[in-house]
Amino acid sequence: MSKKIAKAGYICSFCGKNQNEIEVLVTGSDATICNECIEVCNKIVGDYCKRRKIIEVLEKLTEPQLVRILMADIGVFRWTLDFMLRGAFEHKVPVFLPPRPDFDSLLIGLEISRDELHLHADQAPGDIDMLIIPQHRGENLYGKTMVIEIKVVRPTIRKPSRNANSLGETQSNKLVTGGFPYVGLLHLIISEPSPEHMRTELLVESVNVPKGMPVPPPTKRKFDLFPLRATERQLGRLKKLRLPDYVGFNPVDLDIRFKEKNGQSRLGIAGYGIQQDREVKRNPNSSQETLKLIEDHYGKNHHRYLTVKWFS
């Protein structure tokens, strides 16, 4: 310990507490630190290591991988597609609530190329990210076919305005001219988690308290509001796109984390947020020729479509 510190007494250089107020004081050549501050430092370092690990994973996560993680969580997946299904079936409430619309399952094809569908080459480059054929009692409802252009947005603390390379405006408009009945644009936002000190402390009230039981006082909890702000920013961008008013859109933030199951760690959705969406409407350019191409594609490639039971 230096002479300067010796004259001043045993005082923690970080919190200012003296040796009578703490249990352990570690001294160095130019500074001292108490056990309480060491504990805080360990939490900060641990939080940083966890954040760095998830950030590295999110950066490497591809769009198809993210879509499959989304589809693995049926609850979040239902909310995510609601802006499409609610509009296609003219349902006033979310499509997983009664009364049920006239479909029970969805046939979902991912990354279907335009060449496979034999669409004209000048209609647009690239693949159809998600093609959805509703099904009712085993009958395919081709007239309700939906296509969704998907974009992944990865905002970071350093670059909160970071966006996808393309917002999907051109691709969505090409899907409209391609004659698909319902066209939607989905932005999946996977934000960098905020460090602990940047999170906002809010009061949380208890809900679903049994009748006759005393209501406990609100408790303080810290929330990461960065994904919410990022999603609001993305919603503003979507509203400025030059899209026909019958093209639906939805920005959804997904909190992707590692989950432990059967002793194995895997990626999953720890939380999500649904912002204001725009409900899809029927495309006036819908083409019977396109519907026939979709029917032919499914007939020859039904093994490529995933069946999602919407109602049990």
C-alpha atoms as a PDB file:
ATOM      1  CA  MET A   1       0.000   0.000   0.000  1.00  0.00           C
ATOM      2  CA  SER A   2       1.345   3.448  -0.845  1.00  0.00           C
ATOM      3  CA  LYS A   3       2.191   6.027   1.810  1.00  0.00           C
ATOM      4  CA  LYS A   4      -0.605   8.270   0.573  1.00  0.00           C
ATOM      5  CA  ILE A   5      -3.201   5.587   1.254  1.00  0.00           C
ATOM      6  CA  ALA A   6      -1.617   4.725   4.602  1.00  0.00           C
ATOM      7  CA  LYS A   7      -2.018   8.288   5.821  1.00  0.00           C
ATOM      8  CA  ALA A   8      -5.592   8.421   4.647  1.00  0.00           C
ATOM      9  CA  GLY A   9      -6.471   5.128   6.337  1.00  0.00           C
ATOM     10  CA  TYR A  10      -7.860   1.944   4.892  1.00  0.00           C
ATOM     11  CA  ILE A  11     -10.468   3.304   2.503  1.00  0.00           C
ATOM     12  CA  CYS A  12     -11.912   1.685  -0.645  1.00  0.00           C
ATOM     13  CA  SER A  13     -10.838   3.736  -3.636  1.00  0.00           C
ATOM     14  CA  PHE A  14     -14.173   2.988  -5.393  1.00  0.00           C
ATOM     15  CA  CYS A  15     -16.942   3.455  -2.810  1.00  0.00           C
ATOM     16  CA  GLY A  16     -15.063   5.390  -0.096  1.00  0.00           C
ATOM     17  CA  LYS A  17     -15.999   3.063   2.768  1.00  0.00           C
ATOM     18  CA  ASN A  18     -13.377   2.552   5.493  1.00  0.00           C
ATOM     19  CA  GLN A  19     -12.164  -0.715   6.986  1.00  0.00           C
ATOM     20  CA  ASN A  20     -14.793  -0.588   9.745  1.00  0.00           C
ATOM     21  CA  GLU A  21     -17.681  -0.585   7.248  1.00  0.00           C
ATOM     22  CA  ILE A  22     -16.640  -3.562   5.106  1.00  0.00           C
ATOM     23  CA  GLU A  23     -15.497  -7.165   5.561  1.00  0.00           C
ATOM     24  CA  VAL A  24     -12.472  -7.371   3.275  1.00  0.00           C
ATOM     25  CA  LEU A  25     -10.236  -4.708   1.770  1.00  0.00           C
ATOM     26  CA  VAL A  26      -7.733  -5.635  -0.942  1.00  0.00           C
ATOM     27  CA  THR A  27      -4.861  -3.204  -1.326  1.00  0.00           C
ATOM     28  CA  GLY A  28      -2.592  -2.544  -4.276  1.00  0.00           C
ATOM     29  CA  SER A  29       0.249  -0.182  -5.027  1.00  0.00           C
ATOM     30  CA  ASP A  30      -2.016   2.708  -5.980  1.00  0.00           C
ATOM     31  CA  ALA A  31      -5.558   1.729  -4.990  1.00  0.00           C
ATOM     32  CA  THR A  32      -7.711  -0.391  -2.698  1.00  0.00           C
ATOM     33  CA  ILE A  33     -10.989  -2.175  -3.313  1.00  0.00           C
ATOM     34  CA  CYS A  34     -13.485  -3.721  -0.910  1.00  0.00           C
ATOM     35  CA  ASN A  35     -15.320  -7.024  -1.214  1.00  0.00           C
ATOM     36  CA  GLU A  36     -18.609  -5.252  -2.050  1.00  0.00           C
ATOM     37  CA  CYS A  37     -17.072  -3.419  -5.010  1.00  0.00           C
ATOM     38  CA  ILE A  38     -15.388  -6.638  -6.159  1.00  0.00           C
ATOM     39  CA  GLU A  39     -18.832  -8.268  -6.224  1.00  0.00           C
ATOM     40  CA  VAL A  40     -20.180  -5.410  -8.345  1.00  0.00           C
ATOM     41  CA  CYS A  41     -17.202  -5.755 -10.711  1.00  0.00           C
ATOM     42  CA  ASN A  42     -17.825  -9.483 -11.056  1.00  0.00           C
ATOM     43  CA  LYS A  43     -21.432  -8.810 -12.021  1.00  0.00           C
ATOM     44  CA  ILE A  44     -20.370  -6.226 -14.612  1.00  0.00           C
ATOM     45  CA  VAL A  45     -17.777  -8.563 -16.131  1.00  0.00           C
ATOM     46  CA  GLY A  46     -20.214 -11.486 -16.092  1.00  0.00           C
ATOM     47  CA  ASP A  47     -22.904  -9.387 -17.774  1.00  0.00           C
ATOM     48  CA  TYR A  48     -20.402  -8.261 -20.410  1.00  0.00           C
ATOM     49  CA  CYS A  49     -19.313 -11.845 -21.166  1.00  0.00           C
ATOM     50  CA  LYS A  50     -22.904 -13.029 -21.524  1.00  0.00           C
ATOM     51  CA  ARG A  51     -23.765 -10.074 -23.774  1.00  0.00           C
ATOM     52  CA  ARG A  52     -20.667 -10.603 -25.922  1.00  0.00           C
ATOM     53  CA  LYS A  53     -21.539 -14.278 -26.410  1.00  0.00           C
ATOM     54  CA  ILE A  54     -25.128 -13.597 -27.491  1.00  0.00           C
ATOM     55  CA  ILE A  55     -24.025 -10.689 -29.715  1.00  0.00           C
ATOM     56  CA  GLU A  56     -21.590 -12.965 -31.552  1.00  0.00           C
ATOM     57  CA  VAL A  57     -24.365 -15.530 -32.052  1.00  0.00           C
ATOM     58  CA  LEU A  58     -26.904 -12.963 -33.281  1.00  0.00           C
ATOM     59  CA  GLU A  59     -24.435 -11.600 -35.820  1.00  0.00           C
ATOM     60  CA  LYS A  60     -23.954 -15.064 -37.326  1.00  0.00           C
ATOM     61  CA  LEU A  61     -27.643 -15.994 -37.250  1.00  0.00           C
ATOM     62  CA  THR A  62     -28.955 -16.231 -40.821  1.00  0.00           C
ATOM     63  CA  GLU A  63     -32.449 -15.302 -41.947  1.00  0.00           C
ATOM     64  CA  PRO A  64     -33.529 -18.944 -42.540  1.00  0.00           C
ATOM     65  CA  GLN A  65     -32.215 -19.943 -39.101  1.00  0.00           C
ATOM     66  CA  LEU A  66     -34.101 -17.085 -37.459  1.00  0.00           C
ATOM     67  CA  VAL A  67     -37.329 -18.001 -39.266  1.00  0.00           C
ATOM     68  CA  ARG A  68     -37.044 -21.589 -38.023  1.00  0.00           C
ATOM     69  CA  ILE A  69     -36.444 -20.401 -34.452  1.00  0.00           C
ATOM     70  CA  LEU A  70     -39.552 -18.252 -34.828  1.00  0.00           C
ATOM     71  CA  MET A  71     -41.625 -21.141 -36.179  1.00  0.00           C
ATOM     72  CA  ALA A  72     -40.507 -23.375 -33.301  1.00  0.00           C
ATOM     73  CA  ASP A  73     -42.350 -21.096 -30.864  1.00  0.00           C
ATOM     74  CA  ILE A  74     -45.976 -21.433 -31.960  1.00  0.00           C
ATOM     75  CA  GLY A  75     -47.209 -18.720 -29.578  1.00  0.00           C
ATOM     76  CA  VAL A  76     -44.876 -16.050 -30.934  1.00  0.00           C
ATOM     77  CA  PHE A  77     -45.366 -17.334 -34.482  1.00  0.00           C
ATOM     78  CA  ARG A  78     -49.124 -16.861 -34.191  1.00  0.00           C
ATOM     79  CA  TRP A  79     -48.738 -13.264 -33.085  1.00  0.00           C
ATOM     80  CA  THR A  80     -46.209 -12.616 -35.824  1.00  0.00           C
ATOM     81  CA  LEU A  81     -48.467 -13.845 -38.654  1.00  0.00           C
ATOM     82  CA  ASP A  82     -51.643 -12.344 -37.244  1.00  0.00           C
ATOM     83  CA  PHE A  83     -51.414  -9.229 -39.457  1.00  0.00           C
ATOM     84  CA  MET A  84     -51.622 -11.515 -42.513  1.00  0.00           C
ATOM     85  CA  LEU A  85     -54.230 -14.043 -41.387  1.00  0.00           C
ATOM     86  CA  ARG A  86     -56.493 -11.487 -39.745  1.00  0.00           C
ATOM     87  CA  GLY A  87     -56.669  -9.529 -42.986  1.00  0.00           C
ATOM     88  CA  ALA A  88     -56.940 -12.510 -45.335  1.00  0.00           C
ATOM     89  CA  PHE A  89     -59.854 -13.987 -43.379  1.00  0.00           C
ATOM     90  CA  GLU A  90     -61.379 -10.619 -42.388  1.00  0.00           C
ATOM     91  CA  HIS A  91     -61.153 -11.550 -38.732  1.00  0.00           C
ATOM     92  CA  LYS A  92     -61.756  -8.778 -36.182  1.00  0.00           C
ATOM     93  CA  VAL A  93     -59.803 -10.391 -33.347  1.00  0.00           C
ATOM     94  CA  PRO A  94     -56.510 -12.334 -33.401  1.00  0.00           C
ATOM     95  CA  VAL A  95     -56.857 -15.464 -35.507  1.00  0.00           C
ATOM     96  CA  PHE A  96     -56.156 -17.826 -32.601  1.00  0.00           C
ATOM     97  CA  LEU A  97     -59.145 -16.535 -30.620  1.00  0.00           C
ATOM     98  CA  PRO A  98     -62.794 -17.530 -31.164  1.00  0.00           C
ATOM     99  CA  PRO A  99     -64.727 -17.336 -33.368  1.00  0.00           C
ATOM    100  CA  ARG A 100     -62.366 -19.344 -35.551  1.00  0.00           C
ATOM    101  CA  PRO A 101     -61.909 -18.351 -39.181  1.00  0.00           C
ATOM    102  CA  ASP A 102     -62.386 -20.960 -41.913  1.00  0.00           C
ATOM    103  CA  PHE A 103     -58.960 -22.609 -41.772  1.00  0.00           C
ATOM    104  CA  ASP A 104     -57.310 -25.039 -39.386  1.00  0.00           C
ATOM    105  CA  SER A 105     -53.759 -25.481 -40.705  1.00  0.00           C
ATOM    106  CA  LEU A 106     -51.102 -23.693 -42.712  1.00  0.00           C
ATOM    107  CA  LEU A 107     -48.821 -25.136 -45.376  1.00  0.00           C
ATOM    108  CA  ILE A 108     -45.626 -23.105 -45.265  1.00  0.00           C
ATOM    109  CA  GLY A 109     -42.918 -23.107 -47.911  1.00  0.00           C
ATOM    110  CA  LEU A 110     -39.632 -21.327 -47.206  1.00  0.00           C
ATOM    111  CA  GLU A 111     -37.171 -19.848 -49.705  1.00  0.00           C
ATOM    112  CA  ILE A 112     -39.032 -20.806 -52.859  1.00  0.00           C
ATOM    113  CA  SER A 113     -37.350 -19.447 -55.968  1.00  0.00           C
ATOM    114  CA  ARG A 114     -39.329 -17.719 -58.692  1.00  0.00           C
ATOM    115  CA  ASP A 115     -37.847 -20.135 -61.202  1.00  0.00           C
ATOM    116  CA  GLU A 116     -39.483 -23.003 -59.312  1.00  0.00           C
ATOM    117  CA  LEU A 117     -42.859 -21.295 -59.629  1.00  0.00           C
ATOM    118  CA  HIS A 118     -42.147 -20.520 -63.303  1.00  0.00           C
ATOM    119  CA  LEU A 119     -42.873 -16.837 -62.811  1.00  0.00           C
ATOM    120  CA  HIS A 120     -41.692 -14.401 -65.445  1.00  0.00           C
ATOM    121  CA  ALA A 121     -38.018 -13.518 -65.026  1.00  0.00           C
ATOM    122  CA  ASP A 122     -38.731  -9.762 -65.114  1.00  0.00           C
ATOM    123  CA  GLN A 123     -41.081  -9.863 -62.115  1.00  0.00           C
ATOM    124  CA  ALA A 124     -38.299  -9.817 -59.514  1.00  0.00           C
ATOM    125  CA  PRO A 125     -35.012 -11.476 -58.553  1.00  0.00           C
ATOM    126  CA  GLY A 126     -34.485 -13.603 -55.487  1.00  0.00           C
ATOM    127  CA  ASP A 127     -36.643 -16.044 -53.559  1.00  0.00           C
ATOM    128  CA  ILE A 128     -40.040 -15.922 -51.923  1.00  0.00           C
ATOM    129  CA  ASP A 129     -39.096 -15.976 -48.246  1.00  0.00           C
ATOM    130  CA  MET A 130     -42.360 -17.443 -47.000  1.00  0.00           C
ATOM    131  CA  LEU A 131     -45.295 -18.808 -48.982  1.00  0.00           C
ATOM    132  CA  ILE A 132     -48.368 -19.769 -46.954  1.00  0.00           C
ATOM    133  CA  ILE A 133     -51.298 -21.843 -48.176  1.00  0.00           C
ATOM    134  CA  PRO A 134     -54.144 -22.060 -45.612  1.00  0.00           C
ATOM    135  CA  GLN A 135     -55.892 -25.398 -45.295  1.00  0.00           C
ATOM    136  CA  HIS A 136     -59.396 -26.279 -44.114  1.00  0.00           C
ATOM    137  CA  ARG A 137     -60.332 -29.889 -43.426  1.00  0.00           C
ATOM    138  CA  GLY A 138     -57.652 -31.103 -45.810  1.00  0.00           C
ATOM    139  CA  GLU A 139     -58.580 -28.721 -48.630  1.00  0.00           C
ATOM    140  CA  ASN A 140     -55.948 -26.207 -49.774  1.00  0.00           C
ATOM    141  CA  LEU A 141     -57.306 -22.657 -49.961  1.00  0.00           C
ATOM    142  CA  TYR A 142     -55.174 -21.349 -52.821  1.00  0.00           C
ATOM    143  CA  GLY A 143     -57.299 -18.223 -53.120  1.00  0.00           C
ATOM    144  CA  LYS A 144     -56.065 -17.208 -49.659  1.00  0.00           C
ATOM    145  CA  THR A 145     -52.385 -17.779 -50.450  1.00  0.00           C
ATOM    146  CA  MET A 146     -50.052 -15.357 -48.668  1.00  0.00           C
ATOM    147  CA  VAL A 147     -46.459 -14.419 -49.424  1.00  0.00           C
ATOM    148  CA  ILE A 148     -44.174 -12.599 -46.999  1.00  0.00           C
ATOM    149  CA  GLU A 149     -40.953 -10.757 -47.680  1.00  0.00           C
ATOM    150  CA  ILE A 150     -38.745 -11.047 -44.580  1.00  0.00           C
ATOM    151  CA  LYS A 151     -35.965  -8.701 -43.513  1.00  0.00           C
ATOM    152  CA  VAL A 152     -33.700  -9.057 -40.485  1.00  0.00           C
ATOM    153  CA  VAL A 153     -32.686  -5.875 -38.643  1.00  0.00           C
ATOM    154  CA  ARG A 154     -29.756  -5.933 -36.184  1.00  0.00           C
ATOM    155  CA  PRO A 155     -29.518  -2.632 -34.245  1.00  0.00           C
ATOM    156  CA  THR A 156     -26.658  -2.262 -31.764  1.00  0.00           C
ATOM    157  CA  ILE A 157     -25.962   0.065 -28.865  1.00  0.00           C
ATOM    158  CA  ARG A 158     -23.232   1.812 -30.859  1.00  0.00           C
ATOM    159  CA  LYS A 159     -25.359   1.917 -34.020  1.00  0.00           C
ATOM    160  CA  PRO A 160     -28.995   2.095 -32.874  1.00  0.00           C
ATOM    161  CA  SER A 161     -30.126   3.134 -36.360  1.00  0.00           C
ATOM    162  CA  ARG A 162     -28.488   0.139 -37.997  1.00  0.00           C
ATOM    163  CA  ASN A 163     -30.855  -1.300 -40.584  1.00  0.00           C
ATOM    164  CA  ALA A 164     -31.225  -4.147 -43.035  1.00  0.00           C
ATOM    165  CA  ASN A 165     -29.396  -3.786 -46.356  1.00  0.00           C
ATOM    166  CA  SER A 166     -32.810  -3.487 -47.988  1.00  0.00           C
ATOM    167  CA  LEU A 167     -36.147  -2.567 -46.429  1.00  0.00           C
ATOM    168  CA  GLY A 168     -38.026  -4.905 -48.759  1.00  0.00           C
ATOM    169  CA  GLU A 169     -39.953  -2.227 -50.648  1.00  0.00           C
ATOM    170  CA  THR A 170     -38.920  -3.347 -54.139  1.00  0.00           C
ATOM    171  CA  GLN A 171     -39.409  -7.045 -53.382  1.00  0.00           C
ATOM    172  CA  SER A 172     -42.879  -6.475 -51.887  1.00  0.00           C
ATOM    173  CA  ASN A 173     -44.045  -4.431 -54.859  1.00  0.00           C
ATOM    174  CA  LYS A 174     -42.797  -7.142 -57.210  1.00  0.00           C
ATOM    175  CA  LEU A 175     -44.809  -9.716 -55.286  1.00  0.00           C
ATOM    176  CA  VAL A 176     -47.848  -7.508 -55.841  1.00  0.00           C
ATOM    177  CA  THR A 177     -47.305  -7.393 -59.593  1.00  0.00           C
ATOM    178  CA  GLY A 178     -46.606 -11.132 -59.482  1.00  0.00           C
ATOM    179  CA  GLY A 179     -50.300 -11.653 -58.744  1.00  0.00           C
ATOM    180  CA  PHE A 180     -50.169 -13.187 -55.260  1.00  0.00           C
ATOM    181  CA  PRO A 181     -53.483 -12.748 -53.362  1.00  0.00           C
ATOM    182  CA  TYR A 182     -51.996 -11.373 -50.123  1.00  0.00           C
ATOM    183  CA  VAL A 183     -48.592  -9.722 -49.762  1.00  0.00           C
ATOM    184  CA  GLY A 184     -46.879  -8.813 -46.491  1.00  0.00           C
ATOM    185  CA  LEU A 185     -43.568  -7.402 -45.294  1.00  0.00           C
ATOM    186  CA  LEU A 186     -42.134  -8.697 -42.025  1.00  0.00           C
ATOM    187  CA  HIS A 187     -39.174  -7.079 -40.255  1.00  0.00           C
ATOM    188  CA  LEU A 188     -37.623  -9.286 -37.579  1.00  0.00           C
ATOM    189  CA  ILE A 189     -35.585  -7.153 -35.173  1.00  0.00           C
ATOM    190  CA  ILE A 190     -32.903  -8.856 -33.093  1.00  0.00           C
ATOM    191  CA  SER A 191     -31.388  -6.126 -30.959  1.00  0.00           C
ATOM    192  CA  GLU A 192     -28.167  -6.253 -29.035  1.00  0.00           C
ATOM    193  CA  PRO A 193     -29.027  -6.656 -25.329  1.00  0.00           C
ATOM    194  CA  SER A 194     -28.360  -3.544 -23.276  1.00  0.00           C
ATOM    195  CA  PRO A 195     -25.826  -3.622 -20.419  1.00  0.00           C
ATOM    196  CA  GLU A 196     -27.278  -3.654 -16.940  1.00  0.00           C
ATOM    197  CA  HIS A 197     -26.572   0.027 -16.229  1.00  0.00           C
ATOM    198  CA  MET A 198     -28.538   1.125 -19.332  1.00  0.00           C
ATOM    199  CA  ARG A 199     -31.714  -0.688 -18.341  1.00  0.00           C
ATOM    200  CA  THR A 200     -34.708   1.198 -16.985  1.00  0.00           C
ATOM    201  CA  GLU A 201     -36.130   0.497 -13.536  1.00  0.00           C
ATOM    202  CA  LEU A 202     -39.929   0.370 -13.485  1.00  0.00           C
ATOM    203  CA  LEU A 203     -42.579  -0.460 -10.908  1.00  0.00           C
ATOM    204  CA  VAL A 204     -44.458  -3.673 -11.695  1.00  0.00           C
ATOM    205  CA  GLU A 205     -47.846  -4.415 -10.164  1.00  0.00           C
ATOM    206  CA  SER A 206     -49.003  -7.954  -9.441  1.00  0.00           C
ATOM    207  CA  VAL A 207     -51.763  -9.362 -11.634  1.00  0.00           C
ATOM    208  CA  ASN A 208     -54.176 -12.286 -11.246  1.00  0.00           C
ATOM    209  CA  VAL A 209     -54.245 -11.976  -7.463  1.00  0.00           C
ATOM    210  CA  PRO A 210     -56.863 -14.420  -6.067  1.00  0.00           C
ATOM    211  CA  LYS A 211     -60.043 -12.789  -4.872  1.00  0.00           C
ATOM    212  CA  GLY A 212     -59.928 -11.953  -1.182  1.00  0.00           C
ATOM    213  CA  MET A 213     -56.132 -12.030  -1.039  1.00  0.00           C
ATOM    214  CA  PRO A 214     -54.198  -8.839  -0.287  1.00  0.00           C
ATOM    215  CA  VAL A 215     -52.598  -7.207  -3.285  1.00  0.00           C
ATOM    216  CA  PRO A 216     -48.828  -7.054  -2.786  1.00  0.00           C
ATOM    217  CA  PRO A 217     -47.148  -3.685  -3.318  1.00  0.00           C
ATOM    218  CA  PRO A 218     -45.522  -2.973  -6.706  1.00  0.00           C
ATOM    219  CA  THR A 219     -41.978  -4.249  -7.078  1.00  0.00           C
ATOM    220  CA  LYS A 220     -39.070  -2.676  -8.912  1.00  0.00           C
ATOM    221  CA  ARG A 221     -37.704  -4.449 -11.980  1.00  0.00           C
ATOM    222  CA  LYS A 222     -35.204  -3.460 -14.636  1.00  0.00           C
ATOM    223  CA  PHE A 223     -36.253  -3.589 -18.281  1.00  0.00           C
ATOM    224  CA  ASP A 224     -34.290  -3.362 -21.492  1.00  0.00           C
ATOM    225  CA  LEU A 225     -36.166  -0.728 -23.517  1.00  0.00           C
ATOM    226  CA  PHE A 226     -33.665  -0.632 -26.375  1.00  0.00           C
ATOM    227  CA  PRO A 227     -35.570  -3.251 -28.464  1.00  0.00           C
ATOM    228  CA  LEU A 228     -38.789  -1.263 -28.017  1.00  0.00           C
ATOM    229  CA  ARG A 229     -37.172   1.929 -29.282  1.00  0.00           C
ATOM    230  CA  ALA A 230     -35.553   0.043 -32.171  1.00  0.00           C
ATOM    231  CA  THR A 231     -38.916  -1.430 -33.178  1.00  0.00           C
ATOM    232  CA  GLU A 232     -40.633   1.956 -33.004  1.00  0.00           C
ATOM    233  CA  ARG A 233     -37.899   3.331 -35.267  1.00  0.00           C
ATOM    234  CA  GLN A 234     -38.445   0.477 -37.721  1.00  0.00           C
ATOM    235  CA  LEU A 235     -42.202   1.024 -37.714  1.00  0.00           C
ATOM    236  CA  GLY A 236     -41.597   4.633 -38.737  1.00  0.00           C
ATOM    237  CA  ARG A 237     -39.452   3.464 -41.644  1.00  0.00           C
ATOM    238  CA  LEU A 238     -42.108   1.017 -42.800  1.00  0.00           C
ATOM    239  CA  LYS A 239     -44.771   3.718 -42.789  1.00  0.00           C
ATOM    240  CA  LYS A 240     -42.632   5.836 -45.115  1.00  0.00           C
ATOM    241  CA  LEU A 241     -42.218   3.106 -47.730  1.00  0.00           C
ATOM    242  CA  ARG A 242     -44.017   3.471 -51.036  1.00  0.00           C
ATOM    243  CA  LEU A 243     -46.192   0.428 -50.625  1.00  0.00           C
ATOM    244  CA  PRO A 244     -49.797  -0.005 -51.757  1.00  0.00           C
ATOM    245  CA  ASP A 245     -52.194   0.237 -48.812  1.00  0.00           C
ATOM    246  CA  TYR A 246     -53.163  -3.415 -49.250  1.00  0.00           C
ATOM    247  CA  VAL A 247     -49.621  -4.631 -48.502  1.00  0.00           C
ATOM    248  CA  GLY A 248     -49.437  -5.465 -44.805  1.00  0.00           C
ATOM    249  CA  PHE A 249     -46.378  -4.973 -42.636  1.00  0.00           C
ATOM    250  CA  ASN A 250     -45.239  -5.848 -39.151  1.00  0.00           C
ATOM    251  CA  PRO A 251     -42.022  -5.040 -37.227  1.00  0.00           C
ATOM    252  CA  VAL A 252     -41.418  -7.590 -34.459  1.00  0.00           C
ATOM    253  CA  ASP A 253     -38.559  -7.559 -31.976  1.00  0.00           C
ATOM    254  CA  LEU A 254     -37.353 -10.982 -30.875  1.00  0.00           C
ATOM    255  CA  ASP A 255     -35.278 -11.548 -27.751  1.00  0.00           C
ATOM    256  CA  ILE A 256     -33.097 -14.514 -28.763  1.00  0.00           C
ATOM    257  CA  ARG A 257     -31.295 -16.250 -25.912  1.00  0.00           C
ATOM    258  CA  PHE A 258     -29.723 -19.574 -25.028  1.00  0.00           C
ATOM    259  CA  LYS A 259     -32.106 -21.995 -23.344  1.00  0.00           C
ATOM    260  CA  GLU A 260     -31.224 -25.146 -21.444  1.00  0.00           C
ATOM    261  CA  LYS A 261     -33.178 -28.284 -22.302  1.00  0.00           C
ATOM    262  CA  ASN A 262     -32.247 -31.836 -21.344  1.00  0.00           C
ATOM    263  CA  GLY A 263     -28.760 -30.655 -20.451  1.00  0.00           C
ATOM    264  CA  GLN A 264     -28.245 -29.028 -23.852  1.00  0.00           C
ATOM    265  CA  SER A 265     -28.075 -25.351 -24.734  1.00  0.00           C
ATOM    266  CA  ARG A 266     -30.049 -24.134 -27.731  1.00  0.00           C
ATOM    267  CA  LEU A 267     -31.291 -20.853 -29.125  1.00  0.00           C
ATOM    268  CA  GLY A 268     -34.851 -19.850 -28.396  1.00  0.00           C
ATOM    269  CA  ILE A 269     -37.143 -16.859 -28.001  1.00  0.00           C
ATOM    270  CA  ALA A 270     -37.014 -15.504 -24.448  1.00  0.00           C
ATOM    271  CA  GLY A 271     -39.375 -12.631 -25.188  1.00  0.00           C
ATOM    272  CA  TYR A 272     -40.950 -10.660 -27.994  1.00  0.00           C
ATOM    273  CA  GLY A 273     -42.770  -7.430 -28.672  1.00  0.00           C
ATOM    274  CA  ILE A 274     -45.465  -6.704 -31.223  1.00  0.00           C
ATOM    275  CA  GLN A 275     -45.718  -3.141 -32.414  1.00  0.00           C
ATOM    276  CA  GLN A 276     -48.485  -1.517 -34.408  1.00  0.00           C
ATOM    277  CA  ASP A 277     -48.877  -3.427 -37.649  1.00  0.00           C
ATOM    278  CA  ARG A 278     -50.793  -2.787 -40.850  1.00  0.00           C
ATOM    279  CA  GLU A 279     -53.285  -5.480 -41.698  1.00  0.00           C
ATOM    280  CA  VAL A 280     -53.003  -7.014 -45.142  1.00  0.00           C
ATOM    281  CA  LYS A 281     -55.797  -6.634 -47.698  1.00  0.00           C
ATOM    282  CA  ARG A 282     -56.515  -8.565 -50.862  1.00  0.00           C
ATOM    283  CA  ASN A 283     -54.267  -7.663 -53.762  1.00  0.00           C
ATOM    284  CA  PRO A 284     -56.403  -6.310 -56.616  1.00  0.00           C
ATOM    285  CA  ASN A 285     -53.746  -7.640 -58.998  1.00  0.00           C
ATOM    286  CA  SER A 286     -54.297 -11.216 -57.811  1.00  0.00           C
ATOM    287  CA  SER A 287     -53.909 -13.551 -60.761  1.00  0.00           C
ATOM    288  CA  GLN A 288     -55.569 -16.887 -61.465  1.00  0.00           C
ATOM    289  CA  GLU A 289     -52.472 -17.809 -63.459  1.00  0.00           C
ATOM    290  CA  THR A 290     -50.300 -17.299 -60.370  1.00  0.00           C
ATOM    291  CA  LEU A 291     -52.680 -19.394 -58.254  1.00  0.00           C
ATOM    292  CA  LYS A 292     -52.401 -22.219 -60.795  1.00  0.00           C
ATOM    293  CA  LEU A 293     -48.588 -21.994 -60.611  1.00  0.00           C
ATOM    294  CA  ILE A 294     -48.740 -22.228 -56.805  1.00  0.00           C
ATOM    295  CA  GLU A 295     -51.048 -25.238 -57.001  1.00  0.00           C
ATOM    296  CA  ASP A 296     -48.731 -26.965 -59.471  1.00  0.00           C
ATOM    297  CA  HIS A 297     -45.691 -26.219 -57.308  1.00  0.00           C
ATOM    298  CA  TYR A 298     -47.309 -27.679 -54.211  1.00  0.00           C
ATOM    299  CA  GLY A 299     -48.422 -30.758 -56.146  1.00  0.00           C
ATOM    300  CA  LYS A 300     -44.848 -31.464 -57.241  1.00  0.00           C
ATOM    301  CA  ASN A 301     -43.046 -30.258 -54.091  1.00  0.00           C
ATOM    302  CA  HIS A 302     -45.440 -30.933 -51.204  1.00  0.00           C
ATOM    303  CA  HIS A 303     -42.547 -32.459 -49.232  1.00  0.00           C
ATOM    304  CA  ARG A 304     -40.975 -28.998 -49.036  1.00  0.00           C
ATOM    305  CA  TYR A 305     -43.960 -27.488 -47.220  1.00  0.00           C
ATOM    306  CA  LEU A 306     -44.216 -27.573 -43.446  1.00  0.00           C
ATOM    307  CA  THR A 307     -47.643 -28.243 -41.958  1.00  0.00           C
ATOM    308  CA  VAL A 308     -48.488 -26.035 -38.995  1.00  0.00           C
ATOM    309  CA  LYS A 309     -51.636 -26.984 -37.065  1.00  0.00           C
ATOM    310  CA  TRP A 310     -53.150 -23.651 -36.144  1.00  0.00           C
ATOM    311  CA  PHE A 311     -55.970 -25.066 -34.053  1.00  0.00           C
ATOM    312  CA  SER A 312     -55.830 -28.270 -32.041  1.00  0.00           C
END
